C-alpha atoms as a PDB file:
ATOM      1  CA  PHE A   1      20.241 -13.649   7.701  1.00  0.00           C
ATOM      2  CA  ASN A   2      18.740 -13.342  11.136  1.00  0.00           C
ATOM      3  CA  LEU A   3      15.220 -14.450   9.908  1.00  0.00           C
ATOM      4  CA  LEU A   4      16.750 -17.428   8.092  1.00  0.00           C
ATOM      5  CA  ASN A   5      18.840 -18.336  11.094  1.00  0.00           C
ATOM      6  CA  LYS A   6      15.652 -18.605  13.297  1.00  0.00           C
ATOM      7  CA  LEU A   7      14.256 -21.204  10.686  1.00  0.00           C
ATOM      8  CA  GLU A   8      17.274 -23.260  11.378  1.00  0.00           C
ATOM      9  CA  LEU A   9      17.728 -24.013   7.765  1.00  0.00           C
ATOM     10  CA  PRO A  10      21.034 -25.565   6.680  1.00  0.00           C
ATOM     11  CA  LEU A  11      22.229 -22.580   4.811  1.00  0.00           C
ATOM     12  CA  GLN A  12      25.189 -21.302   6.986  1.00  0.00           C
ATOM     13  CA  SER A  13      28.746 -22.463   6.479  1.00  0.00           C
ATOM     14  CA  GLY A  14      29.445 -22.658  10.122  1.00  0.00           C
ATOM     15  CA  GLY A  15      29.365 -20.343  13.126  1.00  0.00           C
ATOM     16  CA  ASP A  16      27.629 -16.998  12.856  1.00  0.00           C
ATOM     17  CA  SER A  17      28.355 -16.428   9.027  1.00  0.00           C
ATOM     18  CA  ILE A  18      26.652 -17.212   5.810  1.00  0.00           C
ATOM     19  CA  SER A  19      28.042 -18.424   2.704  1.00  0.00           C
ATOM     20  CA  SER A  20      29.086 -16.112  -0.145  1.00  0.00           C
ATOM     21  CA  TRP A  21      26.451 -17.476  -2.503  1.00  0.00           C
ATOM     22  CA  LEU A  22      23.667 -16.885   0.065  1.00  0.00           C
ATOM     23  CA  PHE A  23      25.074 -13.356   0.807  1.00  0.00           C
ATOM     24  CA  LEU A  24      24.844 -12.645  -2.939  1.00  0.00           C
ATOM     25  CA  LEU A  25      21.333 -13.919  -3.296  1.00  0.00           C
ATOM     26  CA  LEU A  26      20.187 -11.840  -0.336  1.00  0.00           C
ATOM     27  CA  ALA A  27      21.805  -8.763  -1.748  1.00  0.00           C
ATOM     28  CA  VAL A  28      20.225  -9.203  -5.140  1.00  0.00           C
ATOM     29  CA  ILE A  29      16.817  -9.787  -3.663  1.00  0.00           C
ATOM     30  CA  SER A  30      17.263  -6.702  -1.282  1.00  0.00           C
ATOM     31  CA  GLY A  31      18.319  -4.487  -4.122  1.00  0.00           C
ATOM     32  CA  VAL A  32      15.393  -5.440  -6.408  1.00  0.00           C
ATOM     33  CA  ALA A  33      12.887  -5.044  -3.490  1.00  0.00           C
ATOM     34  CA  ALA A  34      14.431  -1.498  -2.737  1.00  0.00           C
ATOM     35  CA  MET A  35      14.435  -0.356  -6.365  1.00  0.00           C
ATOM     36  CA  SER A  36      10.800  -1.680  -6.957  1.00  0.00           C
ATOM     37  CA  SER A  37       9.415  -0.002  -3.834  1.00  0.00           C
ATOM     38  CA  GLY A  38      11.236   3.296  -4.693  1.00  0.00           C
ATOM     39  CA  LYS A  39       9.642   3.373  -8.162  1.00  0.00           C
ATOM     40  CA  ILE A  40       6.113   2.755  -6.573  1.00  0.00           C
ATOM     41  CA  LEU A  41       6.626   5.350  -3.908  1.00  0.00           C
ATOM     42  CA  ARG A  42       7.940   7.867  -6.370  1.00  0.00           C
ATOM     43  CA  ARG A  43       4.895   7.368  -8.659  1.00  0.00           C
ATOM     44  CA  MET A  44       2.447   7.634  -5.695  1.00  0.00           C
ATOM     45  CA  ALA A  45       4.127  10.898  -4.456  1.00  0.00           C
ATOM     46  CA  ALA A  46       4.522  12.448  -7.933  1.00  0.00           C
ATOM     47  CA  ARG A  47       2.984  15.813  -8.470  1.00  0.00           C
ATOM     48  CA  LYS A  48      -0.058  15.655 -10.734  1.00  0.00           C
ATOM     49  CA  ILE A  49      -1.995  18.319 -12.545  1.00  0.00           C
ATOM     50  CA  LEU A  50      -5.680  17.795 -11.776  1.00  0.00           C
ATOM     51  CA  GLY A  51      -8.871  19.731 -12.591  1.00  0.00           C
ATOM     52  CA  VAL A  52     -10.528  21.388  -9.708  1.00  0.00           C
ATOM     53  CA  LYS A  53     -14.241  22.330  -9.885  1.00  0.00           C
ATOM     54  CA  ILE A  54     -15.545  24.527  -6.975  1.00  0.00           C
ATOM     55  CA  ILE A  55     -19.308  24.981  -6.684  1.00  0.00           C
ATOM     56  CA  ILE A  56     -20.964  27.389  -4.388  1.00  0.00           C
ATOM     57  CA  GLY A  57     -24.810  27.753  -4.841  1.00  0.00           C
ATOM     58  CA  LYS A  58     -25.462  28.283  -8.503  1.00  0.00           C
ATOM     59  CA  LYS A  59     -21.810  29.570  -9.358  1.00  0.00           C
ATOM     60  CA  SER A  60     -18.895  27.357 -10.157  1.00  0.00           C
ATOM     61  CA  VAL A  61     -15.251  27.872 -11.255  1.00  0.00           C
ATOM     62  CA  GLU A  62     -12.835  25.449 -12.859  1.00  0.00           C
ATOM     63  CA  VAL A  63      -9.218  25.578 -12.488  1.00  0.00           C
ATOM     64  CA  ASN A  64      -6.074  23.372 -12.779  1.00  0.00           C
ATOM     65  CA  GLY A  65      -4.357  22.523  -9.696  1.00  0.00           C
ATOM     66  CA  ILE A  66      -1.123  20.840  -8.832  1.00  0.00           C
ATOM     67  CA  THR A  67      -1.001  18.217  -5.973  1.00  0.00           C
ATOM     68  CA  ASP A  68       1.466  18.895  -3.252  1.00  0.00           C
ATOM     69  CA  THR A  69       2.398  16.595  -0.329  1.00  0.00           C
ATOM     70  CA  GLY A  70       3.673  19.753   1.401  1.00  0.00           C
ATOM     71  CA  ASN A  71       0.171  21.218   1.575  1.00  0.00           C
ATOM     72  CA  ILE A  72      -1.055  19.755   5.001  1.00  0.00           C
ATOM     73  CA  LEU A  73      -3.404  22.378   5.892  1.00  0.00           C
ATOM     74  CA  HIS A  74      -6.577  21.242   7.579  1.00  0.00           C
ATOM     75  CA  ASP A  75      -9.726  22.983   8.854  1.00  0.00           C
ATOM     76  CA  PRO A  76      -9.384  22.690  12.605  1.00  0.00           C
ATOM     77  CA  ALA A  77     -13.182  22.328  13.249  1.00  0.00           C
ATOM     78  CA  SER A  78     -13.821  19.656  10.712  1.00  0.00           C
ATOM     79  CA  GLY A  79     -10.575  18.107   9.931  1.00  0.00           C
ATOM     80  CA  ARG A  80     -11.069  18.663   6.067  1.00  0.00           C
ATOM     81  CA  PRO A  81      -8.100  19.206   3.944  1.00  0.00           C
ATOM     82  CA  VAL A  82      -7.654  22.693   2.281  1.00  0.00           C
ATOM     83  CA  VAL A  83      -7.289  23.205  -1.474  1.00  0.00           C
ATOM     84  CA  ILE A  84      -5.491  26.610  -1.841  1.00  0.00           C
ATOM     85  CA  ALA A  85      -6.928  28.418  -4.948  1.00  0.00           C
ATOM     86  CA  ASP A  86      -5.437  31.623  -6.362  1.00  0.00           C
ATOM     87  CA  ILE A  87      -7.908  34.348  -5.493  1.00  0.00           C
ATOM     88  CA  ARG A  88      -7.901  35.796  -9.081  1.00  0.00           C
ATOM     89  CA  ALA A  89      -9.157  32.453 -10.376  1.00  0.00           C
ATOM     90  CA  ALA A  90     -11.595  31.992  -7.526  1.00  0.00           C
ATOM     91  CA  LEU A  91     -13.374  35.480  -7.839  1.00  0.00           C
ATOM     92  CA  PRO A  92     -16.238  34.223  -9.985  1.00  0.00           C
ATOM     93  CA  VAL A  93     -17.499  31.789  -7.455  1.00  0.00           C
ATOM     94  CA  LEU A  94     -17.048  34.397  -4.583  1.00  0.00           C
ATOM     95  CA  SER A  95     -19.464  36.966  -5.994  1.00  0.00           C
ATOM     96  CA  GLY A  96     -16.423  39.012  -7.174  1.00  0.00           C
ATOM     97  CA  ARG A  97     -15.183  40.339  -3.827  1.00  0.00           C
ATOM     98  CA  LEU A  98     -13.149  38.983  -0.786  1.00  0.00           C
ATOM     99  CA  ASP A  99     -10.937  41.604   0.491  1.00  0.00           C
ATOM    100  CA  THR A 100     -12.339  41.422   3.964  1.00  0.00           C
ATOM    101  CA  ILE A 101     -14.646  39.102   5.919  1.00  0.00           C
ATOM    102  CA  SER A 102     -17.153  42.034   6.035  1.00  0.00           C
ATOM    103  CA  GLY A 103     -17.075  42.150   2.234  1.00  0.00           C
ATOM    104  CA  LEU A 104     -18.488  38.668   1.855  1.00  0.00           C
ATOM    105  CA  PRO A 105     -22.255  38.396   1.039  1.00  0.00           C
ATOM    106  CA  PRO A 106     -24.400  37.359   4.194  1.00  0.00           C
ATOM    107  CA  SER A 107     -25.095  34.016   2.744  1.00  0.00           C
ATOM    108  CA  PHE A 108     -21.330  33.129   3.092  1.00  0.00           C
ATOM    109  CA  ALA A 109     -21.448  33.587   6.980  1.00  0.00           C
ATOM    110  CA  ARG A 110     -21.886  29.944   7.769  1.00  0.00           C
ATOM    111  CA  ARG A 111     -19.192  28.904   5.027  1.00  0.00           C
ATOM    112  CA  VAL A 112     -16.295  31.059   6.614  1.00  0.00           C
ATOM    113  CA  ARG A 113     -13.404  28.966   8.188  1.00  0.00           C
ATOM    114  CA  ILE A 114     -10.347  30.437   9.893  1.00  0.00           C
ATOM    115  CA  ILE A 115      -7.452  28.155   9.037  1.00  0.00           C
ATOM    116  CA  PRO A 116      -3.998  28.439  10.854  1.00  0.00           C
ATOM    117  CA  SER A 117      -1.134  28.325   8.364  1.00  0.00           C
ATOM    118  CA  SER A 118       2.623  27.940   9.093  1.00  0.00           C
ATOM    119  CA  THR A 119       5.014  28.688   6.342  1.00  0.00           C
ATOM    120  CA  VAL A 120       8.766  29.566   6.122  1.00  0.00           C
ATOM    121  CA  SER A 121       7.647  33.209   6.060  1.00  0.00           C
ATOM    122  CA  GLY A 122       5.796  32.750   9.359  1.00  0.00           C
ATOM    123  CA  ASN A 123       2.484  32.022  10.950  1.00  0.00           C
ATOM    124  CA  ARG A 124      -0.786  33.452   9.842  1.00  0.00           C
ATOM    125  CA  LEU A 125      -4.408  32.744   9.641  1.00  0.00           C
ATOM    126  CA  ILE A 126      -6.150  32.238   6.063  1.00  0.00           C
ATOM    127  CA  LEU A 127      -9.758  32.478   5.328  1.00  0.00           C
ATOM    128  CA  GLY A 128     -11.293  29.327   4.071  1.00  0.00           C
ATOM    129  CA  ILE A 129     -14.598  28.796   2.492  1.00  0.00           C
ATOM    130  CA  LEU A 130     -16.711  25.663   2.663  1.00  0.00           C
ATOM    131  CA  PRO A 131     -18.005  24.953  -0.869  1.00  0.00           C
ATOM    132  CA  ASP A 132     -21.138  22.944  -1.718  1.00  0.00           C
ATOM    133  CA  LYS A 133     -18.753  20.700  -3.748  1.00  0.00           C
ATOM    134  CA  ILE A 134     -15.278  20.294  -4.829  1.00  0.00           C
ATOM    135  CA  ILE A 135     -14.795  17.877  -7.728  1.00  0.00           C
ATOM    136  CA  LEU A 136     -11.292  16.758  -8.730  1.00  0.00           C
ATOM    137  CA  SER A 137     -10.772  15.254 -12.182  1.00  0.00           C
ATOM    138  CA  GLY A 138      -7.703  13.555 -13.591  1.00  0.00           C
ATOM    139  CA  GLU A 139      -6.584  10.634 -15.608  1.00  0.00           C
ATOM    140  CA  HIS A 140      -8.589   8.245 -13.377  1.00  0.00           C
ATOM    141  CA  GLY A 141     -11.866  10.096 -13.638  1.00  0.00           C
ATOM    142  CA  GLU A 142     -13.740  12.478 -11.375  1.00  0.00           C
ATOM    143  CA  ARG A 143     -14.206  12.222  -7.723  1.00  0.00           C
ATOM    144  CA  GLU A 144     -15.977  14.586  -5.302  1.00  0.00           C
ATOM    145  CA  VAL A 145     -13.906  15.342  -2.192  1.00  0.00           C
ATOM    146  CA  ALA A 146     -14.821  16.721   1.209  1.00  0.00           C
ATOM    147  CA  ALA A 147     -12.541  19.851   1.353  1.00  0.00           C
ATOM    148  CA  ILE A 148     -12.349  23.543   2.209  1.00  0.00           C
ATOM    149  CA  PHE A 149     -10.931  25.926  -0.196  1.00  0.00           C
ATOM    150  CA  ALA A 150      -8.909  28.901   0.640  1.00  0.00           C
ATOM    151  CA  PRO A 151      -8.685  31.806  -1.927  1.00  0.00           C
ATOM    152  CA  VAL A 152      -5.237  33.392  -1.382  1.00  0.00           C
ATOM    153  CA  LYS A 153      -2.894  35.332  -3.616  1.00  0.00           C
ATOM    154  CA  ILE A 154      -0.396  32.737  -5.057  1.00  0.00           C
ATOM    155  CA  ASN A 155       2.623  34.239  -6.853  1.00  0.00           C
ATOM    156  CA  SER A 156       4.433  31.109  -8.250  1.00  0.00           C
ATOM    157  CA  LEU A 157       2.699  28.141  -9.679  1.00  0.00           C
ATOM    158  CA  PRO A 158       3.418  26.064 -12.920  1.00  0.00           C
ATOM    159  CA  ASP A 159       1.863  27.447 -15.998  1.00  0.00           C
ATOM    160  CA  GLY A 160      -1.694  26.792 -16.302  1.00  0.00           C
ATOM    161  CA  CYS A 161      -2.194  25.988 -12.564  1.00  0.00           C
ATOM    162  CA  SER A 162      -4.235  28.127 -10.249  1.00  0.00           C
ATOM    163  CA  ALA A 163      -4.614  25.775  -7.076  1.00  0.00           C
ATOM    164  CA  ILE A 164      -2.535  23.737  -4.784  1.00  0.00           C
ATOM    165  CA  ILE A 165      -4.101  20.396  -3.912  1.00  0.00           C
ATOM    166  CA  PRO A 166      -3.102  18.433  -0.657  1.00  0.00           C
ATOM    167  CA  GLY A 167      -1.428  15.249  -1.681  1.00  0.00           C
ATOM    168  CA  GLU A 168      -3.854  13.162   0.333  1.00  0.00           C
ATOM    169  CA  LEU A 169      -6.574  14.132  -2.264  1.00  0.00           C
ATOM    170  CA  ASN A 170      -4.325  12.829  -5.180  1.00  0.00           C
ATOM    171  CA  ILE A 171      -6.747  10.639  -7.380  1.00  0.00           C
END
């Protein structure tokens, strides 16, 4: 109404009010716009199951992951988002051992990242690994993404999922 008032169109019935018909028209247009944008935003933010392929050297592992807009972890040094992978599923690409930093092979020294994490259970540092490649695959094809992956123990994920993918990487 304020925007229409600035255009000085002959739409008002007098004073600072609008006619009932114009009010009804504006209400219908606003309702349709709100419903349409809500559906679009819901579709964009929907959790999706994506394939995640993590490649380090000659080894690779493929898992399914769920996108989560709540995963906002980033590597402080590079700014890359962090894909959290269940350690049990990631072991094949990690040479089978990751209980301490000293347990990593020497070739991993340049790949290690320390990532601060804040959750409802408190703050902690998690160990991240810079892979050669992370490839996400979904209904719209495959895409290589610049990301870090953090192998941690994850207790509750949907069936068939072993990773949590940041929502910003949703393809």
